[in-house]
Amino acid sequence: LAAVNGSASLLAELSAIFSSEGPRLLAQLETAIQEADIPGLRIAAHTLKGSARYFGENPVSERAFEIEKLVANDTIEGIEKPLEELRAALPQLLIAIQEPPSV
């Protein structure tokens, strides 16, 4: 709620958007990895990081940021662990944002 100035309706709207966009961005990120598309990977990681941050500090934004930093050097070397952790964290965040916010 702090990230949206206490607006429960805005938080609900962002949660609904992220519920569809989060998985889409993860799929986009994975496709970019398979295609060795570093610029596309950088954009997907950055967008996922920023979108997830609306829900406070969380493993999704942290792992996406870690991936973003890794690909800043134009390589995907070392991406396996943060990607695996991101895959595990996204469903947990999606569940958490469906819960009513505590005031």
PDB file of N, CA and C in Angstrom:
ATOM      1  N   LEU A   1       0.819  -1.199   0.000  1.00  0.00           N
ATOM      2  CA  LEU A   1       0.000   0.000   0.000  1.00  0.00           C
ATOM      3  C   LEU A   1       0.860   1.258   0.000  1.00  0.00           C
ATOM      4  N   ALA A   2       2.001   1.201   0.639  1.00  0.00           N
ATOM      5  CA  ALA A   2       2.871   2.380   0.696  1.00  0.00           C
ATOM      6  C   ALA A   2       3.321   2.797  -0.699  1.00  0.00           C
ATOM      7  N   ALA A   3       3.561   1.832  -1.570  1.00  0.00           N
ATOM      8  CA  ALA A   3       4.037   2.145  -2.918  1.00  0.00           C
ATOM      9  C   ALA A   3       2.986   2.852  -3.766  1.00  0.00           C
ATOM     10  N   VAL A   4       1.713   2.735  -3.366  1.00  0.00           N
ATOM     11  CA  VAL A   4       0.627   3.357  -4.136  1.00  0.00           C
ATOM     12  C   VAL A   4      -0.127   4.381  -3.278  1.00  0.00           C
ATOM     13  N   ASN A   5       0.593   4.976  -2.328  1.00  0.00           N
ATOM     14  CA  ASN A   5       0.033   6.018  -1.460  1.00  0.00           C
ATOM     15  C   ASN A   5      -1.259   5.596  -0.767  1.00  0.00           C
ATOM     16  N   GLY A   6      -1.321   4.333  -0.349  1.00  0.00           N
ATOM     17  CA  GLY A   6      -2.468   3.850   0.406  1.00  0.00           C
ATOM     18  C   GLY A   6      -3.712   3.540  -0.400  1.00  0.00           C
ATOM     19  N   SER A   7      -3.624   3.581  -1.722  1.00  0.00           N
ATOM     20  CA  SER A   7      -4.790   3.342  -2.563  1.00  0.00           C
ATOM     21  C   SER A   7      -5.006   1.839  -2.787  1.00  0.00           C
ATOM     22  N   ALA A   8      -5.959   1.277  -2.052  1.00  0.00           N
ATOM     23  CA  ALA A   8      -6.260  -0.149  -2.192  1.00  0.00           C
ATOM     24  C   ALA A   8      -6.780  -0.475  -3.589  1.00  0.00           C
ATOM     25  N   SER A   9      -7.539   0.451  -4.184  1.00  0.00           N
ATOM     26  CA  SER A   9      -8.068   0.186  -5.526  1.00  0.00           C
ATOM     27  C   SER A   9      -6.950   0.170  -6.563  1.00  0.00           C
ATOM     28  N   LEU A  10      -5.973   1.070  -6.420  1.00  0.00           N
ATOM     29  CA  LEU A  10      -4.837   1.072  -7.352  1.00  0.00           C
ATOM     30  C   LEU A  10      -4.004  -0.187  -7.158  1.00  0.00           C
ATOM     31  N   LEU A  11      -3.818  -0.596  -5.910  1.00  0.00           N
ATOM     32  CA  LEU A  11      -3.073  -1.817  -5.639  1.00  0.00           C
ATOM     33  C   LEU A  11      -3.773  -3.024  -6.259  1.00  0.00           C
ATOM     34  N   ALA A  12      -5.096  -3.070  -6.153  1.00  0.00           N
ATOM     35  CA  ALA A  12      -5.859  -4.174  -6.747  1.00  0.00           C
ATOM     36  C   ALA A  12      -5.703  -4.170  -8.268  1.00  0.00           C
ATOM     37  N   GLU A  13      -5.720  -2.994  -8.859  1.00  0.00           N
ATOM     38  CA  GLU A  13      -5.554  -2.879 -10.313  1.00  0.00           C
ATOM     39  C   GLU A  13      -4.155  -3.332 -10.734  1.00  0.00           C
ATOM     40  N   LEU A  14      -3.130  -2.885 -10.004  1.00  0.00           N
ATOM     41  CA  LEU A  14      -1.758  -3.302 -10.316  1.00  0.00           C
ATOM     42  C   LEU A  14      -1.581  -4.803 -10.121  1.00  0.00           C
ATOM     43  N   SER A  15      -2.229  -5.347  -9.102  1.00  0.00           N
ATOM     44  CA  SER A  15      -2.156  -6.791  -8.858  1.00  0.00           C
ATOM     45  C   SER A  15      -2.756  -7.567 -10.024  1.00  0.00           C
ATOM     46  N   ALA A  16      -3.884  -7.102 -10.523  1.00  0.00           N
ATOM     47  CA  ALA A  16      -4.536  -7.766 -11.653  1.00  0.00           C
ATOM     48  C   ALA A  16      -3.651  -7.705 -12.901  1.00  0.00           C
ATOM     49  N   ILE A  17      -3.059  -6.552 -13.138  1.00  0.00           N
ATOM     50  CA  ILE A  17      -2.174  -6.405 -14.305  1.00  0.00           C
ATOM     51  C   ILE A  17      -0.955  -7.311 -14.160  1.00  0.00           C
ATOM     52  N   PHE A  18      -0.341  -7.288 -12.977  1.00  0.00           N
ATOM     53  CA  PHE A  18       0.864  -8.083 -12.768  1.00  0.00           C
ATOM     54  C   PHE A  18       0.566  -9.578 -12.849  1.00  0.00           C
ATOM     55  N   SER A  19      -0.624  -9.979 -12.480  1.00  0.00           N
ATOM     56  CA  SER A  19      -0.987 -11.395 -12.537  1.00  0.00           C
ATOM     57  C   SER A  19      -0.897 -11.955 -13.950  1.00  0.00           C
ATOM     58  N   SER A  20      -1.137 -11.112 -14.949  1.00  0.00           N
ATOM     59  CA  SER A  20      -0.972 -11.569 -16.333  1.00  0.00           C
ATOM     60  C   SER A  20       0.385 -11.174 -16.904  1.00  0.00           C
ATOM     61  N   GLU A  21       0.871  -9.999 -16.531  1.00  0.00           N
ATOM     62  CA  GLU A  21       2.133  -9.517 -17.093  1.00  0.00           C
ATOM     63  C   GLU A  21       3.359 -10.215 -16.504  1.00  0.00           C
ATOM     64  N   GLY A  22       3.322 -10.573 -15.222  1.00  0.00           N
ATOM     65  CA  GLY A  22       4.464 -11.247 -14.607  1.00  0.00           C
ATOM     66  C   GLY A  22       4.832 -12.531 -15.329  1.00  0.00           C
ATOM     67  N   PRO A  23       3.890 -13.459 -15.508  1.00  0.00           N
ATOM     68  CA  PRO A  23       4.209 -14.679 -16.250  1.00  0.00           C
ATOM     69  C   PRO A  23       4.614 -14.406 -17.705  1.00  0.00           C
ATOM     70  N   ARG A  24       3.981 -13.419 -18.340  1.00  0.00           N
ATOM     71  CA  ARG A  24       4.350 -13.082 -19.718  1.00  0.00           C
ATOM     72  C   ARG A  24       5.791 -12.583 -19.790  1.00  0.00           C
ATOM     73  N   LEU A  25       6.180 -11.756 -18.816  1.00  0.00           N
ATOM     74  CA  LEU A  25       7.549 -11.231 -18.795  1.00  0.00           C
ATOM     75  C   LEU A  25       8.564 -12.333 -18.511  1.00  0.00           C
ATOM     76  N   LEU A  26       8.209 -13.273 -17.639  1.00  0.00           N
ATOM     77  CA  LEU A  26       9.105 -14.401 -17.386  1.00  0.00           C
ATOM     78  C   LEU A  26       9.272 -15.227 -18.660  1.00  0.00           C
ATOM     79  N   ALA A  27       8.194 -15.467 -19.370  1.00  0.00           N
ATOM     80  CA  ALA A  27       8.271 -16.218 -20.636  1.00  0.00           C
ATOM     81  C   ALA A  27       9.119 -15.458 -21.656  1.00  0.00           C
ATOM     82  N   GLN A  28       8.951 -14.144 -21.700  1.00  0.00           N
ATOM     83  CA  GLN A  28       9.741 -13.309 -22.610  1.00  0.00           C
ATOM     84  C   GLN A  28      11.224 -13.395 -22.241  1.00  0.00           C
ATOM     85  N   LEU A  29      11.514 -13.375 -20.957  1.00  0.00           N
ATOM     86  CA  LEU A  29      12.880 -13.481 -20.470  1.00  0.00           C
ATOM     87  C   LEU A  29      13.481 -14.830 -20.860  1.00  0.00           C
ATOM     88  N   GLU A  30      12.720 -15.899 -20.679  1.00  0.00           N
ATOM     89  CA  GLU A  30      13.211 -17.235 -21.028  1.00  0.00           C
ATOM     90  C   GLU A  30      13.420 -17.396 -22.527  1.00  0.00           C
ATOM     91  N   THR A  31      12.529 -16.822 -23.321  1.00  0.00           N
ATOM     92  CA  THR A  31      12.699 -16.859 -24.780  1.00  0.00           C
ATOM     93  C   THR A  31      13.964 -16.113 -25.183  1.00  0.00           C
ATOM     94  N   ALA A  32      14.200 -14.971 -24.573  1.00  0.00           N
ATOM     95  CA  ALA A  32      15.402 -14.189 -24.877  1.00  0.00           C
ATOM     96  C   ALA A  32      16.662 -14.981 -24.526  1.00  0.00           C
ATOM     97  N   ILE A  33      16.620 -15.730 -23.442  1.00  0.00           N
ATOM     98  CA  ILE A  33      17.771 -16.555 -23.078  1.00  0.00           C
ATOM     99  C   ILE A  33      17.998 -17.625 -24.132  1.00  0.00           C
ATOM    100  N   GLN A  34      16.924 -18.311 -24.531  1.00  0.00           N
ATOM    101  CA  GLN A  34      17.042 -19.372 -25.543  1.00  0.00           C
ATOM    102  C   GLN A  34      17.579 -18.839 -26.860  1.00  0.00           C
ATOM    103  N   GLU A  35      17.209 -17.616 -27.187  1.00  0.00           N
ATOM    104  CA  GLU A  35      17.628 -17.019 -28.464  1.00  0.00           C
ATOM    105  C   GLU A  35      18.914 -16.204 -28.336  1.00  0.00           C
ATOM    106  N   ALA A  36      19.504 -16.205 -27.141  1.00  0.00           N
ATOM    107  CA  ALA A  36      20.702 -15.407 -26.864  1.00  0.00           C
ATOM    108  C   ALA A  36      20.487 -13.944 -27.248  1.00  0.00           C
ATOM    109  N   ASP A  37      19.289 -13.448 -26.963  1.00  0.00           N
ATOM    110  CA  ASP A  37      18.909 -12.060 -27.257  1.00  0.00           C
ATOM    111  C   ASP A  37      19.185 -11.214 -26.013  1.00  0.00           C
ATOM    112  N   ILE A  38      20.411 -10.763 -25.880  1.00  0.00           N
ATOM    113  CA  ILE A  38      20.824 -10.019 -24.686  1.00  0.00           C
ATOM    114  C   ILE A  38      20.016  -8.733 -24.509  1.00  0.00           C
ATOM    115  N   PRO A  39      19.827  -7.921 -25.558  1.00  0.00           N
ATOM    116  CA  PRO A  39      19.012  -6.710 -25.357  1.00  0.00           C
ATOM    117  C   PRO A  39      17.579  -7.036 -24.926  1.00  0.00           C
ATOM    118  N   GLY A  40      16.979  -8.058 -25.519  1.00  0.00           N
ATOM    119  CA  GLY A  40      15.628  -8.460 -25.139  1.00  0.00           C
ATOM    120  C   GLY A  40      15.577  -8.986 -23.715  1.00  0.00           C
ATOM    121  N   LEU A  41      16.603  -9.700 -23.324  1.00  0.00           N
ATOM    122  CA  LEU A  41      16.703 -10.228 -21.963  1.00  0.00           C
ATOM    123  C   LEU A  41      16.831  -9.083 -20.963  1.00  0.00           C
ATOM    124  N   ARG A  42      17.647  -8.115 -21.301  1.00  0.00           N
ATOM    125  CA  ARG A  42      17.845  -6.958 -20.423  1.00  0.00           C
ATOM    126  C   ARG A  42      16.529  -6.206 -20.223  1.00  0.00           C
ATOM    127  N   ILE A  43      15.789  -6.007 -21.290  1.00  0.00           N
ATOM    128  CA  ILE A  43      14.508  -5.287 -21.213  1.00  0.00           C
ATOM    129  C   ILE A  43      13.494  -6.082 -20.387  1.00  0.00           C
ATOM    130  N   ALA A  44      13.395  -7.381 -20.634  1.00  0.00           N
ATOM    131  CA  ALA A  44      12.431  -8.214 -19.898  1.00  0.00           C
ATOM    132  C   ALA A  44      12.761  -8.235 -18.411  1.00  0.00           C
ATOM    133  N   ALA A  45      14.034  -8.395 -18.075  1.00  0.00           N
ATOM    134  CA  ALA A  45      14.442  -8.423 -16.665  1.00  0.00           C
ATOM    135  C   ALA A  45      14.165  -7.078 -16.001  1.00  0.00           C
ATOM    136  N   HIS A  46      14.489  -6.003 -16.685  1.00  0.00           N
ATOM    137  CA  HIS A  46      14.269  -4.659 -16.143  1.00  0.00           C
ATOM    138  C   HIS A  46      12.778  -4.393 -15.922  1.00  0.00           C
ATOM    139  N   THR A  47      11.961  -4.765 -16.876  1.00  0.00           N
ATOM    140  CA  THR A  47      10.521  -4.534 -16.776  1.00  0.00           C
ATOM    141  C   THR A  47       9.912  -5.380 -15.664  1.00  0.00           C
ATOM    142  N   LEU A  48      10.328  -6.638 -15.574  1.00  0.00           N
ATOM    143  CA  LEU A  48       9.822  -7.510 -14.521  1.00  0.00           C
ATOM    144  C   LEU A  48      10.239  -6.984 -13.146  1.00  0.00           C
ATOM    145  N   LYS A  49      11.474  -6.549 -13.036  1.00  0.00           N
ATOM    146  CA  LYS A  49      11.971  -5.985 -11.774  1.00  0.00           C
ATOM    147  C   LYS A  49      11.116  -4.795 -11.350  1.00  0.00           C
ATOM    148  N   GLY A  50      10.915  -3.865 -12.263  1.00  0.00           N
ATOM    149  CA  GLY A  50      10.151  -2.668 -11.944  1.00  0.00           C
ATOM    150  C   GLY A  50       8.700  -2.958 -11.609  1.00  0.00           C
ATOM    151  N   SER A  51       8.106  -3.866 -12.340  1.00  0.00           N
ATOM    152  CA  SER A  51       6.704  -4.224 -12.092  1.00  0.00           C
ATOM    153  C   SER A  51       6.535  -4.889 -10.730  1.00  0.00           C
ATOM    154  N   ALA A  52       7.450  -5.777 -10.386  1.00  0.00           N
ATOM    155  CA  ALA A  52       7.359  -6.494  -9.113  1.00  0.00           C
ATOM    156  C   ALA A  52       7.618  -5.576  -7.924  1.00  0.00           C
ATOM    157  N   ARG A  53       8.352  -4.519  -8.123  1.00  0.00           N
ATOM    158  CA  ARG A  53       8.680  -3.611  -7.009  1.00  0.00           C
ATOM    159  C   ARG A  53       7.470  -2.864  -6.472  1.00  0.00           C
ATOM    160  N   TYR A  54       6.391  -2.809  -7.225  1.00  0.00           N
ATOM    161  CA  TYR A  54       5.174  -2.194  -6.694  1.00  0.00           C
ATOM    162  C   TYR A  54       4.674  -2.938  -5.463  1.00  0.00           C
ATOM    163  N   PHE A  55       5.127  -4.170  -5.291  1.00  0.00           N
ATOM    164  CA  PHE A  55       4.664  -5.008  -4.197  1.00  0.00           C
ATOM    165  C   PHE A  55       5.732  -5.118  -3.103  1.00  0.00           C
ATOM    166  N   GLY A  56       6.559  -4.103  -2.995  1.00  0.00           N
ATOM    167  CA  GLY A  56       7.602  -4.054  -1.970  1.00  0.00           C
ATOM    168  C   GLY A  56       8.811  -4.876  -2.378  1.00  0.00           C
ATOM    169  N   GLU A  57       9.756  -4.944  -1.467  1.00  0.00           N
ATOM    170  CA  GLU A  57      10.924  -5.777  -1.726  1.00  0.00           C
ATOM    171  C   GLU A  57      10.466  -7.226  -1.744  1.00  0.00           C
ATOM    172  N   ASN A  58      10.883  -7.946  -2.776  1.00  0.00           N
ATOM    173  CA  ASN A  58      10.476  -9.336  -2.899  1.00  0.00           C
ATOM    174  C   ASN A  58      11.478 -10.085  -3.768  1.00  0.00           C
ATOM    175  N   PRO A  59      11.507 -11.405  -3.674  1.00  0.00           N
ATOM    176  CA  PRO A  59      12.467 -12.194  -4.440  1.00  0.00           C
ATOM    177  C   PRO A  59      12.342 -12.041  -5.956  1.00  0.00           C
ATOM    178  N   VAL A  60      11.156 -11.762  -6.470  1.00  0.00           N
ATOM    179  CA  VAL A  60      10.998 -11.603  -7.923  1.00  0.00           C
ATOM    180  C   VAL A  60      11.784 -10.378  -8.388  1.00  0.00           C
ATOM    181  N   SER A  61      11.583  -9.245  -7.748  1.00  0.00           N
ATOM    182  CA  SER A  61      12.306  -8.043  -8.168  1.00  0.00           C
ATOM    183  C   SER A  61      13.803  -8.209  -7.930  1.00  0.00           C
ATOM    184  N   GLU A  62      14.178  -8.868  -6.838  1.00  0.00           N
ATOM    185  CA  GLU A  62      15.597  -9.062  -6.537  1.00  0.00           C
ATOM    186  C   GLU A  62      16.273  -9.965  -7.570  1.00  0.00           C
ATOM    187  N   ARG A  63      15.631 -11.083  -7.926  1.00  0.00           N
ATOM    188  CA  ARG A  63      16.245 -11.986  -8.912  1.00  0.00           C
ATOM    189  C   ARG A  63      16.259 -11.350 -10.304  1.00  0.00           C
ATOM    190  N   ALA A  64      15.195 -10.633 -10.649  1.00  0.00           N
ATOM    191  CA  ALA A  64      15.177  -9.961 -11.952  1.00  0.00           C
ATOM    192  C   ALA A  64      16.290  -8.921 -12.023  1.00  0.00           C
ATOM    193  N   PHE A  65      16.527  -8.213 -10.920  1.00  0.00           N
ATOM    194  CA  PHE A  65      17.611  -7.232 -10.876  1.00  0.00           C
ATOM    195  C   PHE A  65      18.959  -7.928 -11.004  1.00  0.00           C
ATOM    196  N   GLU A  66      19.101  -9.065 -10.352  1.00  0.00           N
ATOM    197  CA  GLU A  66      20.343  -9.833 -10.449  1.00  0.00           C
ATOM    198  C   GLU A  66      20.594 -10.253 -11.901  1.00  0.00           C
ATOM    199  N   ILE A  67      19.556 -10.705 -12.575  1.00  0.00           N
ATOM    200  CA  ILE A  67      19.687 -11.085 -13.984  1.00  0.00           C
ATOM    201  C   ILE A  67      20.029  -9.862 -14.826  1.00  0.00           C
ATOM    202  N   GLU A  68      19.367  -8.753 -14.552  1.00  0.00           N
ATOM    203  CA  GLU A  68      19.648  -7.518 -15.281  1.00  0.00           C
ATOM    204  C   GLU A  68      21.121  -7.121 -15.141  1.00  0.00           C
ATOM    205  N   LYS A  69      21.657  -7.231 -13.932  1.00  0.00           N
ATOM    206  CA  LYS A  69      23.072  -6.900 -13.714  1.00  0.00           C
ATOM    207  C   LYS A  69      23.994  -7.865 -14.455  1.00  0.00           C
ATOM    208  N   LEU A  70      23.635  -9.158 -14.453  1.00  0.00           N
ATOM    209  CA  LEU A  70      24.458 -10.151 -15.141  1.00  0.00           C
ATOM    210  C   LEU A  70      24.553  -9.857 -16.635  1.00  0.00           C
ATOM    211  N   VAL A  71      23.433  -9.535 -17.246  1.00  0.00           N
ATOM    212  CA  VAL A  71      23.434  -9.324 -18.702  1.00  0.00           C
ATOM    213  C   VAL A  71      23.943  -7.945 -19.082  1.00  0.00           C
ATOM    214  N   ALA A  72      24.188  -7.087 -18.106  1.00  0.00           N
ATOM    215  CA  ALA A  72      24.779  -5.780 -18.410  1.00  0.00           C
ATOM    216  C   ALA A  72      26.159  -5.954 -19.037  1.00  0.00           C
ATOM    217  N   ASN A  73      26.778  -7.102 -18.788  1.00  0.00           N
ATOM    218  CA  ASN A  73      28.090  -7.410 -19.368  1.00  0.00           C
ATOM    219  C   ASN A  73      27.964  -8.176 -20.680  1.00  0.00           C
ATOM    220  N   ASP A  74      26.768  -8.152 -21.271  1.00  0.00           N
ATOM    221  CA  ASP A  74      26.499  -8.820 -22.551  1.00  0.00           C
ATOM    222  C   ASP A  74      26.789 -10.309 -22.531  1.00  0.00           C
ATOM    223  N   THR A  75      26.453 -10.953 -21.421  1.00  0.00           N
ATOM    224  CA  THR A  75      26.621 -12.396 -21.320  1.00  0.00           C
ATOM    225  C   THR A  75      25.480 -12.976 -20.494  1.00  0.00           C
ATOM    226  N   ILE A  76      25.197 -14.252 -20.724  1.00  0.00           N
ATOM    227  CA  ILE A  76      24.192 -14.927 -19.893  1.00  0.00           C
ATOM    228  C   ILE A  76      24.864 -15.924 -18.951  1.00  0.00           C
ATOM    229  N   GLU A  77      26.174 -15.856 -18.875  1.00  0.00           N
ATOM    230  CA  GLU A  77      26.922 -16.748 -17.987  1.00  0.00           C
ATOM    231  C   GLU A  77      26.526 -16.484 -16.535  1.00  0.00           C
ATOM    232  N   GLY A  78      26.202 -17.545 -15.817  1.00  0.00           N
ATOM    233  CA  GLY A  78      25.824 -17.437 -14.420  1.00  0.00           C
ATOM    234  C   GLY A  78      24.353 -17.143 -14.190  1.00  0.00           C
ATOM    235  N   ILE A  79      23.551 -17.210 -15.244  1.00  0.00           N
ATOM    236  CA  ILE A  79      22.144 -16.832 -15.138  1.00  0.00           C
ATOM    237  C   ILE A  79      21.265 -17.963 -14.599  1.00  0.00           C
ATOM    238  N   GLU A  80      21.772 -19.185 -14.593  1.00  0.00           N
ATOM    239  CA  GLU A  80      20.953 -20.340 -14.244  1.00  0.00           C
ATOM    240  C   GLU A  80      20.355 -20.246 -12.839  1.00  0.00           C
ATOM    241  N   LYS A  81      21.176 -19.933 -11.845  1.00  0.00           N
ATOM    242  CA  LYS A  81      20.692 -19.911 -10.458  1.00  0.00           C
ATOM    243  C   LYS A  81      19.652 -18.809 -10.233  1.00  0.00           C
ATOM    244  N   PRO A  82      19.928 -17.553 -10.606  1.00  0.00           N
ATOM    245  CA  PRO A  82      18.883 -16.542 -10.393  1.00  0.00           C
ATOM    246  C   PRO A  82      17.624 -16.812 -11.214  1.00  0.00           C
ATOM    247  N   LEU A  83      17.763 -17.418 -12.386  1.00  0.00           N
ATOM    248  CA  LEU A  83      16.596 -17.747 -13.194  1.00  0.00           C
ATOM    249  C   LEU A  83      15.759 -18.819 -12.508  1.00  0.00           C
ATOM    250  N   GLU A  84      16.414 -19.834 -11.972  1.00  0.00           N
ATOM    251  CA  GLU A  84      15.703 -20.892 -11.249  1.00  0.00           C
ATOM    252  C   GLU A  84      14.975 -20.303 -10.034  1.00  0.00           C
ATOM    253  N   GLU A  85      15.639 -19.418  -9.311  1.00  0.00           N
ATOM    254  CA  GLU A  85      15.022 -18.787  -8.138  1.00  0.00           C
ATOM    255  C   GLU A  85      13.863 -17.877  -8.546  1.00  0.00           C
ATOM    256  N   LEU A  86      14.003 -17.208  -9.680  1.00  0.00           N
ATOM    257  CA  LEU A  86      12.930 -16.355 -10.199  1.00  0.00           C
ATOM    258  C   LEU A  86      11.712 -17.197 -10.561  1.00  0.00           C
ATOM    259  N   ARG A  87      11.946 -18.313 -11.223  1.00  0.00           N
ATOM    260  CA  ARG A  87      10.840 -19.216 -11.583  1.00  0.00           C
ATOM    261  C   ARG A  87      10.081 -19.691 -10.342  1.00  0.00           C
ATOM    262  N   ALA A  88      10.800 -19.937  -9.252  1.00  0.00           N
ATOM    263  CA  ALA A  88      10.166 -20.398  -8.016  1.00  0.00           C
ATOM    264  C   ALA A  88       9.457 -19.259  -7.291  1.00  0.00           C
ATOM    265  N   ALA A  89      10.000 -18.061  -7.372  1.00  0.00           N
ATOM    266  CA  ALA A  89       9.461 -16.925  -6.620  1.00  0.00           C
ATOM    267  C   ALA A  89       8.214 -16.321  -7.251  1.00  0.00           C
ATOM    268  N   LEU A  90       8.102 -16.348  -8.561  1.00  0.00           N
ATOM    269  CA  LEU A  90       6.975 -15.690  -9.221  1.00  0.00           C
ATOM    270  C   LEU A  90       5.626 -16.255  -8.786  1.00  0.00           C
ATOM    271  N   PRO A  91       5.423 -17.572  -8.767  1.00  0.00           N
ATOM    272  CA  PRO A  91       4.121 -18.078  -8.315  1.00  0.00           C
ATOM    273  C   PRO A  91       3.789 -17.668  -6.878  1.00  0.00           C
ATOM    274  N   GLN A  92       4.803 -17.609  -6.033  1.00  0.00           N
ATOM    275  CA  GLN A  92       4.575 -17.199  -4.642  1.00  0.00           C
ATOM    276  C   GLN A  92       4.118 -15.744  -4.574  1.00  0.00           C
ATOM    277  N   LEU A  93       4.729 -14.887  -5.374  1.00  0.00           N
ATOM    278  CA  LEU A  93       4.318 -13.482  -5.387  1.00  0.00           C
ATOM    279  C   LEU A  93       2.910 -13.347  -5.954  1.00  0.00           C
ATOM    280  N   LEU A  94       2.607 -14.110  -6.985  1.00  0.00           N
ATOM    281  CA  LEU A  94       1.269 -14.042  -7.574  1.00  0.00           C
ATOM    282  C   LEU A  94       0.199 -14.437  -6.561  1.00  0.00           C
ATOM    283  N   ILE A  95       0.491 -15.404  -5.725  1.00  0.00           N
ATOM    284  CA  ILE A  95      -0.447 -15.799  -4.670  1.00  0.00           C
ATOM    285  C   ILE A  95      -0.553 -14.670  -3.636  1.00  0.00           C
ATOM    286  N   ALA A  96       0.567 -14.140  -3.231  1.00  0.00           N
ATOM    287  CA  ALA A  96       0.570 -13.109  -2.189  1.00  0.00           C
ATOM    288  C   ALA A  96      -0.180 -11.853  -2.602  1.00  0.00           C
ATOM    289  N   ILE A  97      -0.103 -11.465  -3.859  1.00  0.00           N
ATOM    290  CA  ILE A  97      -0.761 -10.211  -4.266  1.00  0.00           C
ATOM    291  C   ILE A  97      -2.267 -10.383  -4.442  1.00  0.00           C
ATOM    292  N   GLN A  98      -2.749 -11.610  -4.391  1.00  0.00           N
ATOM    293  CA  GLN A  98      -4.187 -11.830  -4.466  1.00  0.00           C
ATOM    294  C   GLN A  98      -4.862 -11.679  -3.105  1.00  0.00           C
ATOM    295  N   GLU A  99      -4.037 -11.670  -2.049  1.00  0.00           N
ATOM    296  CA  GLU A  99      -4.570 -11.495  -0.707  1.00  0.00           C
ATOM    297  C   GLU A  99      -4.915 -10.036  -0.477  1.00  0.00           C
ATOM    298  N   PRO A 100      -5.978  -9.750   0.262  1.00  0.00           N
ATOM    299  CA  PRO A 100      -6.320  -8.360   0.547  1.00  0.00           C
ATOM    300  C   PRO A 100      -5.193  -7.696   1.331  1.00  0.00           C
ATOM    301  N   PRO A 101      -4.881  -6.440   1.016  1.00  0.00           N
ATOM    302  CA  PRO A 101      -3.794  -5.749   1.725  1.00  0.00           C
ATOM    303  C   PRO A 101      -4.164  -5.500   3.179  1.00  0.00           C
ATOM    304  N   SER A 102      -3.157  -5.590   4.022  1.00  0.00           N
ATOM    305  CA  SER A 102      -3.397  -5.237   5.434  1.00  0.00           C
ATOM    306  C   SER A 102      -3.146  -3.753   5.607  1.00  0.00           C
ATOM    307  N   VAL A 103      -4.022  -3.111   6.337  1.00  0.00           N
ATOM    308  CA  VAL A 103      -3.957  -1.663   6.491  1.00  0.00           C
ATOM    309  C   VAL A 103      -3.193  -1.303   7.738  1.00  0.00           C
TER     310      VAL A 103
END
